[in-house]
Amino acid sequence: MALVPAAADPLIGRGNHSTAEAIGLTAADAAALLGISESHFYCLHKTGRLGPLPVRMGRAVRWSRQELVEWFNAGSPPRSRWIAMRQGEKHNSSR
């Protein structure tokens, strides 16, 4: 099952910001995108089963919407495999 594009995103209308346009998602929004609870999202992150790493902007922590979708569509591999897959893509695209 592939994640839906932003135009059909179930997060539209949550809160006072447009998460459909946001490229960086909070843990709560990322969990909602994946259809899991926020506590389960943090558990996946803590144990290395969530592939994408967050980006820190000052005190704000955000996950890339694009990377979360790519990770999910790749079968949700654990972080170590996800990083290796991403490094392989970068290596192959530079040839």
Protein backbone atom coordinates (compact mmCIF):
# COMPACT_ATOMS: atom_id res chain seq x y z
CA MET A 1 0.00 0.00 0.00
CA ALA A 2 1.51 3.33 -1.08
CA LEU A 3 1.02 6.55 0.82
CA VAL A 4 -1.26 9.11 -0.76
CA PRO A 5 0.09 12.28 -2.42
CA ALA A 6 -0.15 15.55 -0.49
CA ALA A 7 -3.24 16.66 -2.43
CA ALA A 8 -5.19 13.74 -0.92
CA ASP A 9 -3.42 13.89 2.43
CA PRO A 10 -5.62 13.20 5.48
CA LEU A 11 -3.67 15.81 7.46
CA ILE A 12 -5.20 18.72 5.54
CA GLY A 13 -7.01 21.00 7.91
CA ARG A 14 -5.31 19.84 11.13
CA GLY A 15 -4.38 22.75 13.33
CA ASN A 16 -3.70 26.27 12.06
CA HIS A 17 -1.04 25.32 9.52
CA SER A 18 -1.21 23.53 6.22
CA THR A 19 0.61 20.25 6.77
CA ALA A 20 -0.25 19.27 3.20
CA GLU A 21 2.26 21.91 2.11
CA ALA A 22 4.77 21.32 4.90
CA ILE A 23 7.91 19.48 3.91
CA GLY A 24 8.98 19.03 7.52
CA LEU A 25 6.55 17.20 9.80
CA THR A 26 6.35 17.11 13.57
CA ALA A 27 6.32 13.67 15.18
CA ALA A 28 2.56 13.93 15.61
CA ASP A 29 2.01 14.81 11.95
CA ALA A 30 4.49 12.17 10.75
CA ALA A 31 2.74 9.54 12.88
CA ALA A 32 -0.64 10.59 11.45
CA LEU A 33 0.76 10.38 7.93
CA LEU A 34 1.91 6.81 8.62
CA GLY A 35 -1.34 5.91 10.39
CA ILE A 36 0.27 5.08 13.74
CA SER A 37 0.19 6.64 17.20
CA GLU A 38 2.75 9.25 18.19
CA SER A 39 4.07 7.00 20.96
CA HIS A 40 4.56 4.13 18.49
CA PHE A 41 6.30 6.56 16.10
CA TYR A 42 8.75 7.54 18.87
CA CYS A 43 9.27 3.86 19.75
CA LEU A 44 10.16 3.08 16.12
CA HIS A 45 12.55 6.05 16.07
CA LYS A 46 14.21 5.12 19.38
CA THR A 47 14.74 1.46 18.41
CA GLY A 48 16.05 2.21 14.90
CA ARG A 49 13.07 0.70 13.11
CA LEU A 50 12.09 4.10 11.68
CA GLY A 51 14.40 4.66 8.73
CA PRO A 52 14.38 8.43 8.26
CA LEU A 53 16.23 10.58 10.77
CA PRO A 54 14.81 13.94 11.83
CA VAL A 55 16.24 17.34 10.95
CA ARG A 56 16.82 19.79 13.79
CA MET A 57 16.14 23.48 13.26
CA GLY A 58 16.99 25.10 16.56
CA ARG A 59 14.66 23.47 19.05
CA ALA A 60 12.27 22.26 16.35
CA VAL A 61 12.57 18.64 15.21
CA ARG A 62 11.03 17.71 11.87
CA TRP A 63 10.91 14.63 9.65
CA SER A 64 10.97 14.98 5.86
CA ARG A 65 7.58 14.19 4.38
CA GLN A 66 9.22 13.05 1.13
CA GLU A 67 11.64 10.73 2.90
CA LEU A 68 8.89 9.24 5.08
CA VAL A 69 6.81 8.47 1.98
CA GLU A 70 9.82 6.97 0.16
CA TRP A 71 10.70 4.88 3.24
CA PHE A 72 7.15 3.59 3.59
CA ASN A 73 6.88 2.76 -0.11
CA ALA A 74 10.24 0.91 0.09
CA GLY A 75 8.73 -1.48 2.63
CA SER A 76 9.67 0.39 5.81
CA PRO A 77 13.15 -1.10 6.28
CA PRO A 78 15.03 -0.53 9.56
CA ARG A 79 17.26 2.54 9.76
CA SER A 80 20.53 0.73 9.05
CA ARG A 81 19.17 -0.77 5.83
CA TRP A 82 17.40 2.48 4.89
CA ILE A 83 20.62 4.48 5.20
CA ALA A 84 22.50 1.88 3.13
CA MET A 85 19.76 2.00 0.48
CA ARG A 86 19.92 5.79 0.33
CA GLN A 87 23.72 5.80 0.11
CA GLY A 88 23.52 3.26 -2.71
CA GLU A 89 21.09 5.50 -4.60
CA LYS A 90 23.40 8.50 -4.22
CA HIS A 91 26.40 6.44 -5.34
CA ASN A 92 24.57 5.09 -8.40
CA SER A 93 23.16 8.47 -9.41
CA SER A 94 26.64 10.05 -9.39
CA ARG A 95 27.91 7.67 -12.08
